[in-house]
Protein backbone atom coordinates (compact mmCIF):
# COMPACT_ATOMS: atom_id res chain seq x y z
CA MET A 1 -22.53 0.11 -82.05
CA LYS A 2 -19.69 2.07 -80.50
CA LYS A 3 -17.38 0.09 -78.25
CA ILE A 4 -18.02 0.96 -74.58
CA PHE A 5 -15.45 0.49 -71.84
CA ALA A 6 -16.14 1.20 -68.16
CA ILE A 7 -13.42 2.09 -65.67
CA VAL A 8 -14.70 1.34 -62.19
CA ASN A 9 -13.18 2.67 -58.98
CA PRO A 10 -14.29 0.09 -56.38
CA VAL A 11 -13.25 2.22 -53.37
CA SER A 12 -15.30 5.27 -54.41
CA ALA A 13 -18.32 6.26 -52.31
CA ASN A 14 -16.59 4.76 -49.27
CA GLY A 15 -16.37 1.36 -50.99
CA SER A 16 -20.03 1.05 -51.98
CA THR A 17 -19.19 1.22 -55.70
CA GLY A 18 -17.19 -2.00 -55.50
CA ARG A 19 -19.94 -3.74 -53.53
CA GLN A 20 -22.71 -2.62 -55.88
CA TRP A 21 -20.91 -2.90 -59.22
CA PRO A 22 -21.77 -6.60 -59.94
CA ASN A 23 -25.48 -5.80 -59.69
CA LEU A 24 -25.12 -2.52 -61.60
CA GLU A 25 -23.26 -4.27 -64.40
CA LYS A 26 -26.01 -6.89 -64.58
CA ILE A 27 -28.67 -4.16 -64.89
CA LEU A 28 -26.68 -2.44 -67.65
CA ARG A 29 -26.36 -5.67 -69.64
CA ILE A 30 -30.04 -6.60 -69.20
CA SER A 31 -30.94 -3.15 -70.56
CA GLY A 32 -28.99 -3.90 -73.73
CA ILE A 33 -25.75 -2.03 -72.90
CA ASP A 34 -22.81 -4.13 -74.09
CA LEU A 35 -19.61 -3.11 -72.34
CA ASP A 36 -16.28 -4.28 -71.07
CA TYR A 37 -14.92 -3.03 -67.76
CA VAL A 38 -11.93 -3.07 -65.44
CA LEU A 39 -11.48 -2.15 -61.77
CA THR A 40 -8.86 0.38 -60.76
CA GLU A 41 -6.25 -0.85 -58.32
CA TYR A 42 -4.31 2.24 -57.22
CA PRO A 43 -4.30 6.07 -57.54
CA MET A 44 -3.95 7.32 -61.15
CA HIS A 45 -4.51 3.79 -62.49
CA ALA A 46 -7.54 5.08 -64.43
CA VAL A 47 -5.26 7.30 -66.52
CA GLU A 48 -3.33 4.29 -67.77
CA LEU A 49 -6.48 2.19 -68.25
CA THR A 50 -8.18 4.92 -70.26
CA ARG A 51 -5.22 5.36 -72.58
CA ASN A 52 -5.00 1.62 -73.19
CA ALA A 53 -8.73 1.38 -73.90
CA LEU A 54 -8.68 4.27 -76.37
CA LYS A 55 -5.64 2.86 -78.16
CA GLY A 56 -7.48 -0.48 -78.29
CA GLY A 57 -10.35 1.05 -80.23
CA CYS A 58 -12.85 1.89 -77.50
CA GLU A 59 -14.91 4.96 -78.41
CA ILE A 60 -16.91 5.51 -75.20
CA ILE A 61 -15.13 5.52 -71.85
CA VAL A 62 -17.43 5.36 -68.83
CA SER A 63 -16.04 6.72 -65.56
CA VAL A 64 -17.67 4.81 -62.68
CA GLY A 65 -16.66 6.51 -59.45
CA GLY A 66 -16.29 9.98 -57.99
CA ASP A 67 -15.09 13.26 -59.41
CA GLY A 68 -11.52 12.15 -58.75
CA THR A 69 -12.02 9.03 -60.88
CA MET A 70 -13.56 11.18 -63.60
CA ASN A 71 -10.51 13.45 -63.46
CA GLU A 72 -8.16 10.51 -63.94
CA VAL A 73 -10.22 9.27 -66.89
CA VAL A 74 -10.22 12.74 -68.45
CA ASN A 75 -6.43 12.82 -68.15
CA GLY A 76 -6.30 9.41 -69.83
CA PHE A 77 -7.92 10.90 -72.95
CA PHE A 78 -4.71 12.91 -73.43
CA GLU A 79 -1.16 11.85 -74.18
CA GLY A 80 1.71 14.10 -75.13
CA GLY A 81 -0.56 17.15 -74.93
CA ARG A 82 -3.06 15.79 -77.46
CA LEU A 83 -6.26 13.77 -77.47
CA ILE A 84 -5.62 10.12 -78.30
CA ASN A 85 -8.88 9.95 -80.27
CA GLU A 86 -10.74 13.18 -81.00
CA ASN A 87 -13.93 11.25 -81.78
CA ALA A 88 -14.01 9.33 -78.49
CA ALA A 89 -16.38 10.50 -75.75
CA LEU A 90 -16.56 10.40 -71.96
CA ALA A 91 -19.60 9.13 -70.07
CA VAL A 92 -19.87 9.79 -66.33
CA PHE A 93 -21.59 7.33 -64.01
CA SER A 94 -21.02 9.36 -60.86
CA ARG A 95 -20.75 7.18 -57.77
CA GLY A 96 -18.49 9.25 -55.54
CA THR A 97 -18.68 11.50 -52.51
CA GLY A 98 -19.22 14.85 -54.20
CA CYS A 99 -20.88 14.13 -57.57
CA ASP A 100 -20.29 17.80 -58.40
CA ALA A 101 -19.37 17.73 -62.10
CA ILE A 102 -22.61 16.06 -63.22
CA LYS A 103 -24.70 18.80 -61.61
CA THR A 104 -23.50 21.28 -64.24
CA MET A 105 -23.80 18.69 -67.02
CA GLY A 106 -27.41 17.90 -66.15
CA ILE A 107 -26.67 14.20 -65.59
CA LYS A 108 -28.16 12.18 -62.73
CA ASN A 109 -26.26 9.48 -60.85
CA ASP A 110 -28.79 6.60 -60.93
CA VAL A 111 -28.37 3.57 -63.15
CA ASP A 112 -31.47 4.30 -65.26
CA SER A 113 -30.05 7.71 -66.16
CA ILE A 114 -26.69 6.31 -67.30
CA ILE A 115 -28.52 3.68 -69.36
CA ALA A 116 -30.43 6.47 -71.11
CA VAL A 117 -27.21 8.42 -71.69
CA LEU A 118 -25.45 5.40 -73.19
CA LYS A 119 -28.42 4.55 -75.43
CA ASP A 120 -29.01 8.11 -76.66
CA MET A 121 -25.31 8.73 -77.42
CA LYS A 122 -25.95 12.48 -77.38
CA SER A 123 -22.65 14.29 -76.89
CA GLU A 124 -21.52 17.84 -76.30
CA ALA A 125 -18.02 19.29 -76.65
CA TYR A 126 -16.94 20.71 -73.29
CA ASP A 127 -14.08 23.02 -72.38
CA VAL A 128 -11.20 21.41 -70.51
CA GLY A 129 -8.88 23.11 -68.04
CA LYS A 130 -5.15 22.44 -68.01
CA VAL A 131 -3.11 23.27 -64.92
CA ASP A 132 0.61 23.18 -64.19
CA PHE A 133 1.43 22.83 -60.48
CA ILE A 134 4.00 21.34 -58.10
CA GLU A 135 3.72 17.88 -56.57
CA TYR A 136 4.60 17.42 -52.90
CA GLY A 137 7.99 16.01 -53.77
CA GLY A 138 8.85 19.22 -55.64
CA LYS A 139 8.36 17.86 -59.16
CA LYS A 140 6.52 20.04 -61.65
CA SER A 141 3.37 18.36 -62.90
CA GLN A 142 0.44 18.96 -65.23
CA ARG A 143 -3.14 17.82 -65.08
CA TYR A 144 -6.33 18.35 -67.06
CA PHE A 145 -9.64 19.00 -65.34
CA LEU A 146 -13.27 19.21 -66.37
CA ASN A 147 -14.97 20.82 -63.40
CA VAL A 148 -13.22 23.03 -60.82
CA SER A 149 -9.75 23.68 -59.44
CA ASP A 150 -9.04 25.93 -56.48
CA VAL A 151 -6.22 27.15 -54.30
CA GLY A 152 -6.62 27.95 -50.62
CA ILE A 153 -9.26 26.78 -48.18
CA GLY A 154 -10.79 24.40 -50.75
CA GLY A 155 -7.49 22.60 -51.20
CA GLU A 156 -7.09 22.16 -47.45
CA THR A 157 -10.72 21.02 -47.08
CA THR A 158 -10.23 18.40 -49.81
CA PHE A 159 -7.01 17.24 -48.15
CA ARG A 160 -8.91 16.78 -44.87
CA VAL A 161 -11.97 15.09 -46.41
CA ASN A 162 -9.95 12.65 -48.52
CA ARG A 163 -7.93 11.54 -45.48
CA ASN A 164 -11.04 10.65 -43.49
CA SER A 165 -13.94 8.25 -43.95
CA LYS A 166 -16.62 9.38 -46.38
CA ALA A 167 -19.35 7.31 -44.75
CA LEU A 168 -21.34 10.52 -44.12
CA LYS A 169 -21.79 10.96 -47.91
CA GLY A 170 -20.85 14.00 -49.96
CA PHE A 171 -22.82 16.86 -48.45
CA LEU A 172 -22.01 16.16 -44.81
CA SER A 173 -18.42 15.03 -45.47
CA PHE A 174 -17.54 18.24 -47.28
CA MET A 175 -19.59 20.50 -45.00
CA LEU A 176 -17.94 19.17 -41.85
CA GLY A 177 -14.54 19.24 -43.56
CA ALA A 178 -15.07 22.85 -44.62
CA LEU A 179 -16.28 23.97 -41.19
CA THR A 180 -13.27 22.31 -39.52
CA THR A 181 -10.89 23.90 -42.02
CA ILE A 182 -12.40 27.37 -41.52
CA ILE A 183 -11.49 27.17 -37.84
CA VAL A 184 -7.79 26.48 -38.46
CA TYR A 185 -7.16 28.06 -41.87
CA LYS A 186 -5.15 31.27 -42.23
CA ASN A 187 -5.53 33.59 -45.22
CA LYS A 188 -2.47 34.06 -47.43
CA CYS A 189 -0.86 36.73 -49.58
CA PHE A 190 -1.48 35.72 -53.19
CA GLU A 191 -0.16 36.99 -56.49
CA ILE A 192 -2.69 36.38 -59.27
CA SER A 193 -2.73 37.20 -62.95
CA ILE A 194 -5.92 36.84 -65.00
CA ASP A 195 -5.02 37.37 -68.64
CA ASP A 196 -3.63 40.95 -68.56
CA MET A 197 -4.83 41.86 -65.06
CA ASN A 198 -2.74 41.47 -61.87
CA ILE A 199 -3.88 41.13 -58.26
CA LYS A 200 -1.63 41.07 -55.20
CA GLU A 201 -3.30 40.98 -51.81
CA LYS A 202 -4.18 38.86 -48.79
CA LEU A 203 -6.95 36.43 -49.73
CA ASN A 204 -8.75 33.33 -48.60
CA SER A 205 -9.06 31.38 -51.85
CA VAL A 206 -8.90 31.48 -55.64
CA ILE A 207 -11.37 29.23 -57.47
CA ILE A 208 -10.85 28.45 -61.16
CA ALA A 209 -14.21 27.14 -62.34
CA ASN A 210 -15.29 25.45 -65.54
CA GLY A 211 -18.38 23.95 -63.87
CA LYS A 212 -20.74 25.49 -61.34
CA TYR A 213 -20.37 23.18 -58.30
CA PHE A 214 -17.66 21.85 -56.03
CA GLY A 215 -17.24 20.64 -52.45
CA GLY A 216 -20.24 18.32 -52.35
CA GLY A 217 -22.84 20.69 -53.78
CA MET A 218 -21.50 24.20 -53.19
CA LYS A 219 -22.67 26.41 -56.07
CA ILE A 220 -19.40 28.29 -56.20
CA ALA A 221 -19.71 29.64 -59.77
CA PRO A 222 -23.42 29.90 -60.61
CA MET A 223 -22.75 31.58 -63.97
CA ALA A 224 -20.15 29.07 -65.21
CA ASP A 225 -20.64 27.56 -68.66
CA MET A 226 -18.60 24.54 -69.72
CA THR A 227 -18.83 25.55 -73.38
CA ASP A 228 -18.06 29.30 -73.39
CA GLY A 229 -14.26 29.09 -73.68
CA PHE A 230 -13.63 30.92 -70.39
CA PHE A 231 -12.90 30.08 -66.78
CA ASP A 232 -15.02 31.76 -64.14
CA ILE A 233 -12.62 32.92 -61.44
CA ILE A 234 -14.08 33.42 -57.96
CA ILE A 235 -11.83 35.15 -55.44
CA LEU A 236 -12.73 34.94 -51.77
CA GLY A 237 -11.04 37.97 -50.27
CA ASN A 238 -9.63 38.56 -46.82
CA LEU A 239 -12.65 37.13 -45.02
CA ASN A 240 -12.21 36.43 -41.32
CA LYS A 241 -13.49 33.27 -39.64
CA PHE A 242 -16.74 34.89 -38.49
CA GLU A 243 -17.49 36.21 -41.99
CA LEU A 244 -16.80 32.79 -43.50
CA LEU A 245 -19.04 30.99 -41.02
CA TYR A 246 -21.82 33.59 -41.25
CA ASN A 247 -21.88 33.46 -45.06
CA PHE A 248 -21.11 29.75 -45.44
CA SER A 249 -24.65 28.70 -46.36
CA LYS A 250 -24.75 31.26 -49.20
CA ILE A 251 -22.19 29.25 -51.16
CA TYR A 252 -24.64 26.34 -51.42
CA ASN A 253 -27.31 28.42 -53.13
CA GLY A 254 -24.92 30.61 -55.14
CA THR A 255 -25.75 33.95 -53.46
CA HIS A 256 -22.24 34.56 -52.07
CA LEU A 257 -21.18 36.71 -55.04
CA SER A 258 -23.02 39.70 -53.60
CA HIS A 259 -20.59 39.85 -50.66
CA PRO A 260 -18.23 42.86 -50.94
CA LYS A 261 -15.18 40.66 -50.28
CA VAL A 262 -16.04 38.18 -53.07
CA SER A 263 -15.01 38.96 -56.64
CA HIS A 264 -15.84 37.34 -59.97
CA TYR A 265 -13.78 37.47 -63.16
CA LYS A 266 -13.67 35.63 -66.47
CA GLY A 267 -10.40 34.62 -68.10
CA LYS A 268 -8.49 32.12 -70.20
CA HIS A 269 -5.00 32.19 -68.70
CA ILE A 270 -4.51 32.42 -64.94
CA LYS A 271 -1.43 32.25 -62.71
CA VAL A 272 -1.59 31.86 -58.94
CA ASN A 273 1.39 32.07 -56.61
CA SER A 274 2.19 32.77 -52.96
CA LYS A 275 5.29 32.87 -50.79
CA GLN A 276 3.27 30.84 -48.28
CA LYS A 277 2.44 27.19 -48.85
CA ALA A 278 -0.96 26.84 -50.50
CA LEU A 279 -2.66 23.57 -51.47
CA ILE A 280 -4.32 23.05 -54.85
CA GLU A 281 -7.50 21.04 -55.43
CA ILE A 282 -8.34 19.62 -58.87
CA ASP A 283 -11.72 17.95 -59.47
CA GLY A 284 -11.99 16.76 -55.88
CA GLU A 285 -8.39 15.58 -55.58
CA GLN A 286 -5.51 17.27 -53.77
CA PRO A 287 -2.31 16.43 -55.69
CA GLY A 288 0.07 19.20 -54.68
CA ILE A 289 0.78 22.87 -54.12
CA ILE A 290 1.28 26.12 -56.05
CA GLU A 291 2.66 27.93 -57.96
CA ALA A 292 0.01 27.08 -60.56
CA GLU A 293 -0.78 28.14 -64.10
CA PHE A 294 -4.13 27.50 -65.78
CA HIS A 295 -5.17 27.42 -69.45
CA ILE A 296 -8.62 26.81 -70.94
CA LEU A 297 -8.93 24.43 -73.91
CA PRO A 298 -12.22 25.41 -75.61
CA LYS A 299 -14.68 22.64 -76.51
CA LYS A 300 -11.91 20.07 -76.30
CA LEU A 301 -13.58 16.89 -75.04
CA LYS A 302 -16.80 15.14 -76.09
CA VAL A 303 -19.01 14.18 -73.15
CA LEU A 304 -22.24 12.16 -73.31
CA VAL A 305 -24.98 14.27 -71.72
CA GLY A 306 -28.51 13.78 -70.45
CA ARG A 307 -31.68 14.29 -72.40
């Protein structure tokens, strides 16, 4: 039996994860899942906990929380630019506001589904994104991500949603956050390079997608494949507020790509910069600003997947 270690974010899902975890752990153990666990205590704590668990011989790390918790756990798999254990795998028990990453993976967020995932031990090697950006204090930083990163209106929406209560759950929290941000957001002049191609124009947002969904269920990159070795880059052009509001619902069903001001590219190395301040979002977290540089790491991390 592989050694399983769960990292639980008790404040995820507006605190319901912490309240429900004792019962969830009991169900897992009754089902025959033998695991150790620890509760996170502060932002980025899961990075440290993951590294310690992997160095201690754990082979399966279970992220119990939202997409932000999953992102911290993913970053904990790496140290000094390398995986701590190339044979270790991530399992995602998604309990957060958005639950976006698991939609692409085909994993459900109920306890019976995670029990099946942990018993089957079926894994797939997924691409991982690496992004260099700037923290608010001005320090250059780097983070890995499994799902989606974006610059522009998504970053500002995430900033707004994460500051407020998430009692309305993922869909409504992000939808209301996005609608509020649309009203106040101003498009910016971006400089973008996608491999050997350069773009310089006034835009709304640049989305760097490994997975299909972000923002609490928005199907932003319907063609994205977490195993193809490429990012899917979605550029929302110089859309005005009316155009954004009129076409907003299309993002949820993935039909927005037909709009003449929306562009889609595929690439492995992307740079995004602007003379205006622009916020970056990474797997549901909002850690800083651009300039940003993205690299794809093909089939880098093993993830336990559904049947």
